[in-house]
Amino acid sequence: MHFTLYSRSYCHLCQDMLDALMRLQPPGRTFTVDVIDIDAANDPQLLAQYDELVPVLFADLSQPELCHYFLDEARVREVLKRQASAFRVA
């Protein structure tokens, strides 16, 4: 399982979301998180898209965001549950 978190280095909400996300990591089933600092990415389009929304969390960049500003624990748990089910089937 992989998440992408668009954030800023000085954003306490961004750190709070990352900390809350990491607490949801299932025992024995790790996931990864790419933390992308929209200011350091040197990408004007990225900055324009997420400037006022950070933190923004995605489980799949081809799908809509899971949440922004605050972690939507229920949505993240649902994604983790679906991933675990898919992993057992495969």
PDB file of N, CA and C in Angstrom:
ATOM      1  N   MET A   1       0.850  -1.173   0.000  1.00  0.00           N
ATOM      2  CA  MET A   1       0.000   0.000   0.000  1.00  0.00           C
ATOM      3  C   MET A   1       0.890   1.229   0.000  1.00  0.00           C
ATOM      4  N   HIS A   2       0.452   2.222  -0.753  1.00  0.00           N
ATOM      5  CA  HIS A   2       1.241   3.434  -0.893  1.00  0.00           C
ATOM      6  C   HIS A   2       0.330   4.653  -0.856  1.00  0.00           C
ATOM      7  N   PHE A   3       0.743   5.669  -0.130  1.00  0.00           N
ATOM      8  CA  PHE A   3       0.021   6.929  -0.053  1.00  0.00           C
ATOM      9  C   PHE A   3       0.919   8.047  -0.549  1.00  0.00           C
ATOM     10  N   THR A   4       0.287   9.124  -1.006  1.00  0.00           N
ATOM     11  CA  THR A   4       1.002  10.347  -1.367  1.00  0.00           C
ATOM     12  C   THR A   4       0.384  11.486  -0.572  1.00  0.00           C
ATOM     13  N   LEU A   5       1.244  12.229   0.114  1.00  0.00           N
ATOM     14  CA  LEU A   5       0.802  13.357   0.923  1.00  0.00           C
ATOM     15  C   LEU A   5       1.460  14.622   0.395  1.00  0.00           C
ATOM     16  N   TYR A   6       0.644  15.528  -0.111  1.00  0.00           N
ATOM     17  CA  TYR A   6       1.146  16.835  -0.526  1.00  0.00           C
ATOM     18  C   TYR A   6       1.122  17.733   0.698  1.00  0.00           C
ATOM     19  N   SER A   7       2.263  18.362   0.970  1.00  0.00           N
ATOM     20  CA  SER A   7       2.374  19.105   2.209  1.00  0.00           C
ATOM     21  C   SER A   7       3.319  20.294   2.057  1.00  0.00           C
ATOM     22  N   ARG A   8       3.584  20.908   3.184  1.00  0.00           N
ATOM     23  CA  ARG A   8       4.572  21.991   3.292  1.00  0.00           C
ATOM     24  C   ARG A   8       5.419  21.702   4.522  1.00  0.00           C
ATOM     25  N   SER A   9       6.665  22.110   4.473  1.00  0.00           N
ATOM     26  CA  SER A   9       7.571  21.815   5.581  1.00  0.00           C
ATOM     27  C   SER A   9       7.188  22.549   6.866  1.00  0.00           C
ATOM     28  N   TYR A  10       6.589  23.699   6.783  1.00  0.00           N
ATOM     29  CA  TYR A  10       6.249  24.498   7.967  1.00  0.00           C
ATOM     30  C   TYR A  10       4.797  24.322   8.409  1.00  0.00           C
ATOM     31  N   CYS A  11       4.107  23.363   7.869  1.00  0.00           N
ATOM     32  CA  CYS A  11       2.664  23.186   8.093  1.00  0.00           C
ATOM     33  C   CYS A  11       2.415  22.174   9.212  1.00  0.00           C
ATOM     34  N   HIS A  12       1.904  22.656  10.347  1.00  0.00           N
ATOM     35  CA  HIS A  12       1.631  21.727  11.452  1.00  0.00           C
ATOM     36  C   HIS A  12       0.495  20.764  11.120  1.00  0.00           C
ATOM     37  N   LEU A  13      -0.479  21.190  10.304  1.00  0.00           N
ATOM     38  CA  LEU A  13      -1.549  20.271   9.905  1.00  0.00           C
ATOM     39  C   LEU A  13      -0.997  19.124   9.059  1.00  0.00           C
ATOM     40  N   CYS A  14       0.014  19.432   8.258  1.00  0.00           N
ATOM     41  CA  CYS A  14       0.638  18.400   7.421  1.00  0.00           C
ATOM     42  C   CYS A  14       1.316  17.350   8.292  1.00  0.00           C
ATOM     43  N   GLN A  15       2.051  17.803   9.292  1.00  0.00           N
ATOM     44  CA  GLN A  15       2.712  16.856  10.195  1.00  0.00           C
ATOM     45  C   GLN A  15       1.684  16.074  10.994  1.00  0.00           C
ATOM     46  N   ASP A  16       0.626  16.751  11.426  1.00  0.00           N
ATOM     47  CA  ASP A  16      -0.440  16.060  12.167  1.00  0.00           C
ATOM     48  C   ASP A  16      -1.071  14.961  11.319  1.00  0.00           C
ATOM     49  N   MET A  17      -1.326  15.258  10.023  1.00  0.00           N
ATOM     50  CA  MET A  17      -1.937  14.254   9.157  1.00  0.00           C
ATOM     51  C   MET A  17      -0.986  13.067   8.956  1.00  0.00           C
ATOM     52  N   LEU A  18       0.288  13.347   8.743  1.00  0.00           N
ATOM     53  CA  LEU A  18       1.259  12.264   8.566  1.00  0.00           C
ATOM     54  C   LEU A  18       1.333  11.399   9.821  1.00  0.00           C
ATOM     55  N   ASP A  19       1.392  12.030  10.984  1.00  0.00           N
ATOM     56  CA  ASP A  19       1.449  11.271  12.247  1.00  0.00           C
ATOM     57  C   ASP A  19       0.203  10.405  12.418  1.00  0.00           C
ATOM     58  N   ALA A  20      -0.973  10.977  12.146  1.00  0.00           N
ATOM     59  CA  ALA A  20      -2.226  10.229  12.288  1.00  0.00           C
ATOM     60  C   ALA A  20      -2.294   9.074  11.293  1.00  0.00           C
ATOM     61  N   LEU A  21      -1.815   9.309  10.083  1.00  0.00           N
ATOM     62  CA  LEU A  21      -1.790   8.254   9.069  1.00  0.00           C
ATOM     63  C   LEU A  21      -0.884   7.107   9.515  1.00  0.00           C
ATOM     64  N   MET A  22       0.272   7.430  10.021  1.00  0.00           N
ATOM     65  CA  MET A  22       1.221   6.389  10.427  1.00  0.00           C
ATOM     66  C   MET A  22       0.682   5.564  11.595  1.00  0.00           C
ATOM     67  N   ARG A  23      -0.136   6.165  12.444  1.00  0.00           N
ATOM     68  CA  ARG A  23      -0.748   5.410  13.547  1.00  0.00           C
ATOM     69  C   ARG A  23      -1.751   4.380  13.045  1.00  0.00           C
ATOM     70  N   LEU A  24      -2.239   4.531  11.812  1.00  0.00           N
ATOM     71  CA  LEU A  24      -3.202   3.584  11.246  1.00  0.00           C
ATOM     72  C   LEU A  24      -2.535   2.393  10.554  1.00  0.00           C
ATOM     73  N   GLN A  25      -1.224   2.390  10.528  1.00  0.00           N
ATOM     74  CA  GLN A  25      -0.501   1.307   9.849  1.00  0.00           C
ATOM     75  C   GLN A  25      -0.787  -0.016  10.561  1.00  0.00           C
ATOM     76  N   PRO A  26      -1.348  -0.978   9.838  1.00  0.00           N
ATOM     77  CA  PRO A  26      -1.691  -2.262  10.462  1.00  0.00           C
ATOM     78  C   PRO A  26      -0.436  -3.013  10.910  1.00  0.00           C
ATOM     79  N   PRO A  27      -0.516  -3.689  12.040  1.00  0.00           N
ATOM     80  CA  PRO A  27       0.627  -4.486  12.494  1.00  0.00           C
ATOM     81  C   PRO A  27       1.013  -5.530  11.441  1.00  0.00           C
ATOM     82  N   GLY A  28       2.277  -5.586  11.126  1.00  0.00           N
ATOM     83  CA  GLY A  28       2.772  -6.564  10.168  1.00  0.00           C
ATOM     84  C   GLY A  28       2.494  -6.228   8.718  1.00  0.00           C
ATOM     85  N   ARG A  29       1.810  -5.138   8.438  1.00  0.00           N
ATOM     86  CA  ARG A  29       1.481  -4.740   7.053  1.00  0.00           C
ATOM     87  C   ARG A  29       1.863  -3.276   6.896  1.00  0.00           C
ATOM     88  N   THR A  30       3.074  -3.044   6.516  1.00  0.00           N
ATOM     89  CA  THR A  30       3.531  -1.670   6.384  1.00  0.00           C
ATOM     90  C   THR A  30       3.036  -1.040   5.095  1.00  0.00           C
ATOM     91  N   PHE A  31       2.952   0.268   5.109  1.00  0.00           N
ATOM     92  CA  PHE A  31       2.680   1.011   3.892  1.00  0.00           C
ATOM     93  C   PHE A  31       3.707   2.121   3.776  1.00  0.00           C
ATOM     94  N   THR A  32       3.818   2.671   2.589  1.00  0.00           N
ATOM     95  CA  THR A  32       4.760   3.752   2.360  1.00  0.00           C
ATOM     96  C   THR A  32       3.993   5.039   2.114  1.00  0.00           C
ATOM     97  N   VAL A  33       4.679   6.145   2.377  1.00  0.00           N
ATOM     98  CA  VAL A  33       4.091   7.461   2.165  1.00  0.00           C
ATOM     99  C   VAL A  33       5.133   8.342   1.490  1.00  0.00           C
ATOM    100  N   ASP A  34       4.800   8.833   0.312  1.00  0.00           N
ATOM    101  CA  ASP A  34       5.616   9.866  -0.328  1.00  0.00           C
ATOM    102  C   ASP A  34       5.110  11.196   0.191  1.00  0.00           C
ATOM    103  N   VAL A  35       5.969  11.941   0.859  1.00  0.00           N
ATOM    104  CA  VAL A  35       5.608  13.271   1.323  1.00  0.00           C
ATOM    105  C   VAL A  35       6.230  14.252   0.339  1.00  0.00           C
ATOM    106  N   ILE A  36       5.377  14.988  -0.354  1.00  0.00           N
ATOM    107  CA  ILE A  36       5.846  15.915  -1.378  1.00  0.00           C
ATOM    108  C   ILE A  36       5.604  17.340  -0.886  1.00  0.00           C
ATOM    109  N   ASP A  37       6.688  18.049  -0.657  1.00  0.00           N
ATOM    110  CA  ASP A  37       6.628  19.449  -0.239  1.00  0.00           C
ATOM    111  C   ASP A  37       6.340  20.284  -1.486  1.00  0.00           C
ATOM    112  N   ILE A  38       5.158  20.857  -1.563  1.00  0.00           N
ATOM    113  CA  ILE A  38       4.762  21.571  -2.776  1.00  0.00           C
ATOM    114  C   ILE A  38       5.593  22.826  -3.015  1.00  0.00           C
ATOM    115  N   ASP A  39       6.215  23.358  -1.966  1.00  0.00           N
ATOM    116  CA  ASP A  39       7.072  24.526  -2.143  1.00  0.00           C
ATOM    117  C   ASP A  39       8.441  24.137  -2.684  1.00  0.00           C
ATOM    118  N   ALA A  40       8.946  23.010  -2.245  1.00  0.00           N
ATOM    119  CA  ALA A  40      10.278  22.557  -2.658  1.00  0.00           C
ATOM    120  C   ALA A  40      10.255  21.812  -3.990  1.00  0.00           C
ATOM    121  N   ALA A  41       9.086  21.394  -4.443  1.00  0.00           N
ATOM    122  CA  ALA A  41       8.985  20.596  -5.671  1.00  0.00           C
ATOM    123  C   ALA A  41       9.311  21.415  -6.918  1.00  0.00           C
ATOM    124  N   ASN A  42       9.305  22.721  -6.807  1.00  0.00           N
ATOM    125  CA  ASN A  42       9.618  23.599  -7.948  1.00  0.00           C
ATOM    126  C   ASN A  42       8.715  23.292  -9.138  1.00  0.00           C
ATOM    127  N   ASP A  43       7.419  23.120  -8.836  1.00  0.00           N
ATOM    128  CA  ASP A  43       6.426  22.803  -9.854  1.00  0.00           C
ATOM    129  C   ASP A  43       5.263  23.783  -9.699  1.00  0.00           C
ATOM    130  N   PRO A  44       5.198  24.812 -10.537  1.00  0.00           N
ATOM    131  CA  PRO A  44       4.140  25.819 -10.402  1.00  0.00           C
ATOM    132  C   PRO A  44       2.726  25.243 -10.482  1.00  0.00           C
ATOM    133  N   GLN A  45       2.531  24.218 -11.282  1.00  0.00           N
ATOM    134  CA  GLN A  45       1.209  23.602 -11.403  1.00  0.00           C
ATOM    135  C   GLN A  45       0.809  22.916 -10.093  1.00  0.00           C
ATOM    136  N   LEU A  46       1.746  22.217  -9.489  1.00  0.00           N
ATOM    137  CA  LEU A  46       1.502  21.555  -8.213  1.00  0.00           C
ATOM    138  C   LEU A  46       1.172  22.590  -7.141  1.00  0.00           C
ATOM    139  N   LEU A  47       1.934  23.655  -7.106  1.00  0.00           N
ATOM    140  CA  LEU A  47       1.696  24.720  -6.137  1.00  0.00           C
ATOM    141  C   LEU A  47       0.318  25.346  -6.347  1.00  0.00           C
ATOM    142  N   ALA A  48      -0.042  25.618  -7.576  1.00  0.00           N
ATOM    143  CA  ALA A  48      -1.345  26.215  -7.863  1.00  0.00           C
ATOM    144  C   ALA A  48      -2.484  25.268  -7.486  1.00  0.00           C
ATOM    145  N   GLN A  49      -2.298  23.992  -7.712  1.00  0.00           N
ATOM    146  CA  GLN A  49      -3.352  23.011  -7.464  1.00  0.00           C
ATOM    147  C   GLN A  49      -3.606  22.781  -5.971  1.00  0.00           C
ATOM    148  N   TYR A  50      -2.542  22.749  -5.165  1.00  0.00           N
ATOM    149  CA  TYR A  50      -2.684  22.362  -3.759  1.00  0.00           C
ATOM    150  C   TYR A  50      -2.348  23.470  -2.766  1.00  0.00           C
ATOM    151  N   ASP A  51      -2.055  24.655  -3.242  1.00  0.00           N
ATOM    152  CA  ASP A  51      -1.587  25.756  -2.409  1.00  0.00           C
ATOM    153  C   ASP A  51      -2.385  25.940  -1.118  1.00  0.00           C
ATOM    154  N   GLU A  52      -3.667  26.110  -1.230  1.00  0.00           N
ATOM    155  CA  GLU A  52      -4.507  26.383  -0.057  1.00  0.00           C
ATOM    156  C   GLU A  52      -5.142  25.130   0.541  1.00  0.00           C
ATOM    157  N   LEU A  53      -4.860  23.962  -0.009  1.00  0.00           N
ATOM    158  CA  LEU A  53      -5.502  22.730   0.455  1.00  0.00           C
ATOM    159  C   LEU A  53      -4.631  21.858   1.348  1.00  0.00           C
ATOM    160  N   VAL A  54      -3.332  22.084   1.369  1.00  0.00           N
ATOM    161  CA  VAL A  54      -2.455  21.173   2.096  1.00  0.00           C
ATOM    162  C   VAL A  54      -2.846  21.083   3.561  1.00  0.00           C
ATOM    163  N   PRO A  55      -2.669  19.917   4.118  1.00  0.00           N
ATOM    164  CA  PRO A  55      -2.224  18.684   3.506  1.00  0.00           C
ATOM    165  C   PRO A  55      -3.327  18.017   2.678  1.00  0.00           C
ATOM    166  N   VAL A  56      -2.904  17.322   1.628  1.00  0.00           N
ATOM    167  CA  VAL A  56      -3.823  16.586   0.769  1.00  0.00           C
ATOM    168  C   VAL A  56      -3.299  15.158   0.654  1.00  0.00           C
ATOM    169  N   LEU A  57      -4.156  14.186   0.927  1.00  0.00           N
ATOM    170  CA  LEU A  57      -3.741  12.786   0.943  1.00  0.00           C
ATOM    171  C   LEU A  57      -4.410  12.002  -0.172  1.00  0.00           C
ATOM    172  N   PHE A  58      -3.598  11.213  -0.870  1.00  0.00           N
ATOM    173  CA  PHE A  58      -4.075  10.308  -1.923  1.00  0.00           C
ATOM    174  C   PHE A  58      -3.596   8.893  -1.622  1.00  0.00           C
ATOM    175  N   ALA A  59      -4.437   7.913  -1.946  1.00  0.00           N
ATOM    176  CA  ALA A  59      -4.003   6.525  -1.932  1.00  0.00           C
ATOM    177  C   ALA A  59      -3.603   6.112  -3.338  1.00  0.00           C
ATOM    178  N   ASP A  60      -4.219   6.747  -4.316  1.00  0.00           N
ATOM    179  CA  ASP A  60      -3.951   6.459  -5.721  1.00  0.00           C
ATOM    180  C   ASP A  60      -4.097   7.785  -6.464  1.00  0.00           C
ATOM    181  N   LEU A  61      -3.042   8.220  -7.108  1.00  0.00           N
ATOM    182  CA  LEU A  61      -3.069   9.522  -7.768  1.00  0.00           C
ATOM    183  C   LEU A  61      -4.035   9.580  -8.945  1.00  0.00           C
ATOM    184  N   SER A  62      -4.496   8.427  -9.422  1.00  0.00           N
ATOM    185  CA  SER A  62      -5.477   8.422 -10.501  1.00  0.00           C
ATOM    186  C   SER A  62      -6.911   8.515  -9.966  1.00  0.00           C
ATOM    187  N   GLN A  63      -7.051   8.508  -8.649  1.00  0.00           N
ATOM    188  CA  GLN A  63      -8.353   8.589  -7.987  1.00  0.00           C
ATOM    189  C   GLN A  63      -8.464   9.925  -7.240  1.00  0.00           C
ATOM    190  N   PRO A  64      -9.678  10.321  -6.870  1.00  0.00           N
ATOM    191  CA  PRO A  64      -9.829  11.556  -6.087  1.00  0.00           C
ATOM    192  C   PRO A  64      -9.083  11.464  -4.746  1.00  0.00           C
ATOM    193  N   GLU A  65      -8.781  12.617  -4.207  1.00  0.00           N
ATOM    194  CA  GLU A  65      -8.100  12.668  -2.912  1.00  0.00           C
ATOM    195  C   GLU A  65      -8.920  11.964  -1.841  1.00  0.00           C
ATOM    196  N   LEU A  66      -8.226  11.449  -0.841  1.00  0.00           N
ATOM    197  CA  LEU A  66      -8.908  10.854   0.307  1.00  0.00           C
ATOM    198  C   LEU A  66      -9.389  11.939   1.264  1.00  0.00           C
ATOM    199  N   CYS A  67      -8.559  12.953   1.459  1.00  0.00           N
ATOM    200  CA  CYS A  67      -8.915  14.019   2.380  1.00  0.00           C
ATOM    201  C   CYS A  67      -7.910  15.161   2.254  1.00  0.00           C
ATOM    202  N   HIS A  68      -8.299  16.295   2.809  1.00  0.00           N
ATOM    203  CA  HIS A  68      -7.359  17.404   2.948  1.00  0.00           C
ATOM    204  C   HIS A  68      -7.662  18.122   4.262  1.00  0.00           C
ATOM    205  N   TYR A  69      -6.694  18.883   4.731  1.00  0.00           N
ATOM    206  CA  TYR A  69      -6.699  19.576   6.028  1.00  0.00           C
ATOM    207  C   TYR A  69      -6.555  18.596   7.195  1.00  0.00           C
ATOM    208  N   PHE A  70      -7.483  17.647   7.317  1.00  0.00           N
ATOM    209  CA  PHE A  70      -7.451  16.698   8.435  1.00  0.00           C
ATOM    210  C   PHE A  70      -7.641  15.282   7.898  1.00  0.00           C
ATOM    211  N   LEU A  71      -7.036  14.318   8.552  1.00  0.00           N
ATOM    212  CA  LEU A  71      -7.137  12.926   8.127  1.00  0.00           C
ATOM    213  C   LEU A  71      -8.566  12.426   8.285  1.00  0.00           C
ATOM    214  N   ASP A  72      -9.096  11.856   7.229  1.00  0.00           N
ATOM    215  CA  ASP A  72     -10.396  11.192   7.278  1.00  0.00           C
ATOM    216  C   ASP A  72     -10.096   9.722   7.592  1.00  0.00           C
ATOM    217  N   GLU A  73     -10.081   9.439   8.873  1.00  0.00           N
ATOM    218  CA  GLU A  73      -9.674   8.103   9.334  1.00  0.00           C
ATOM    219  C   GLU A  73     -10.550   7.002   8.745  1.00  0.00           C
ATOM    220  N   ALA A  74     -11.840   7.249   8.650  1.00  0.00           N
ATOM    221  CA  ALA A  74     -12.756   6.229   8.111  1.00  0.00           C
ATOM    222  C   ALA A  74     -12.408   5.899   6.659  1.00  0.00           C
ATOM    223  N   ARG A  75     -12.124   6.908   5.852  1.00  0.00           N
ATOM    224  CA  ARG A  75     -11.776   6.662   4.443  1.00  0.00           C
ATOM    225  C   ARG A  75     -10.460   5.917   4.323  1.00  0.00           C
ATOM    226  N   VAL A  76      -9.490   6.294   5.136  1.00  0.00           N
ATOM    227  CA  VAL A  76      -8.193   5.610   5.089  1.00  0.00           C
ATOM    228  C   VAL A  76      -8.352   4.161   5.527  1.00  0.00           C
ATOM    229  N   ARG A  77      -9.097   3.930   6.582  1.00  0.00           N
ATOM    230  CA  ARG A  77      -9.325   2.552   7.039  1.00  0.00           C
ATOM    231  C   ARG A  77     -10.011   1.719   5.957  1.00  0.00           C
ATOM    232  N   GLU A  78     -10.950   2.328   5.226  1.00  0.00           N
ATOM    233  CA  GLU A  78     -11.642   1.617   4.146  1.00  0.00           C
ATOM    234  C   GLU A  78     -10.657   1.246   3.032  1.00  0.00           C
ATOM    235  N   VAL A  79      -9.775   2.152   2.690  1.00  0.00           N
ATOM    236  CA  VAL A  79      -8.754   1.874   1.660  1.00  0.00           C
ATOM    237  C   VAL A  79      -7.845   0.743   2.133  1.00  0.00           C
ATOM    238  N   LEU A  80      -7.431   0.798   3.381  1.00  0.00           N
ATOM    239  CA  LEU A  80      -6.563  -0.256   3.920  1.00  0.00           C
ATOM    240  C   LEU A  80      -7.289  -1.601   3.938  1.00  0.00           C
ATOM    241  N   LYS A  81      -8.566  -1.576   4.272  1.00  0.00           N
ATOM    242  CA  LYS A  81      -9.357  -2.807   4.295  1.00  0.00           C
ATOM    243  C   LYS A  81      -9.485  -3.398   2.889  1.00  0.00           C
ATOM    244  N   ARG A  82      -9.778  -2.540   1.902  1.00  0.00           N
ATOM    245  CA  ARG A  82      -9.885  -3.022   0.511  1.00  0.00           C
ATOM    246  C   ARG A  82      -8.547  -3.585   0.040  1.00  0.00           C
ATOM    247  N   GLN A  83      -7.473  -2.916   0.389  1.00  0.00           N
ATOM    248  CA  GLN A  83      -6.138  -3.378  -0.008  1.00  0.00           C
ATOM    249  C   GLN A  83      -5.831  -4.738   0.618  1.00  0.00           C
ATOM    250  N   ALA A  84      -6.159  -4.893   1.873  1.00  0.00           N
ATOM    251  CA  ALA A  84      -5.921  -6.173   2.556  1.00  0.00           C
ATOM    252  C   ALA A  84      -6.750  -7.280   1.913  1.00  0.00           C
ATOM    253  N   SER A  85      -8.002  -6.973   1.547  1.00  0.00           N
ATOM    254  CA  SER A  85      -8.864  -7.972   0.901  1.00  0.00           C
ATOM    255  C   SER A  85      -8.306  -8.358  -0.457  1.00  0.00           C
ATOM    256  N   ALA A  86      -7.863  -7.379  -1.220  1.00  0.00           N
ATOM    257  CA  ALA A  86      -7.280  -7.651  -2.545  1.00  0.00           C
ATOM    258  C   ALA A  86      -6.008  -8.471  -2.414  1.00  0.00           C
ATOM    259  N   PHE A  87      -5.240  -8.202  -1.391  1.00  0.00           N
ATOM    260  CA  PHE A  87      -3.978  -8.912  -1.180  1.00  0.00           C
ATOM    261  C   PHE A  87      -4.251 -10.373  -0.828  1.00  0.00           C
ATOM    262  N   ARG A  88      -5.286 -10.627  -0.029  1.00  0.00           N
ATOM    263  CA  ARG A  88      -5.627 -12.022   0.343  1.00  0.00           C
ATOM    264  C   ARG A  88      -6.117 -12.810  -0.857  1.00  0.00           C
ATOM    265  N   VAL A  89      -6.843 -12.147  -1.766  1.00  0.00           N
ATOM    266  CA  VAL A  89      -7.401 -12.808  -2.953  1.00  0.00           C
ATOM    267  C   VAL A  89      -6.303 -13.152  -3.939  1.00  0.00           C
ATOM    268  N   ALA A  90      -5.338 -12.265  -4.080  1.00  0.00           N
ATOM    269  CA  ALA A  90      -4.266 -12.441  -5.081  1.00  0.00           C
ATOM    270  C   ALA A  90      -3.299 -13.499  -4.745  1.00  0.00           C
TER     271      ALA A  90
END
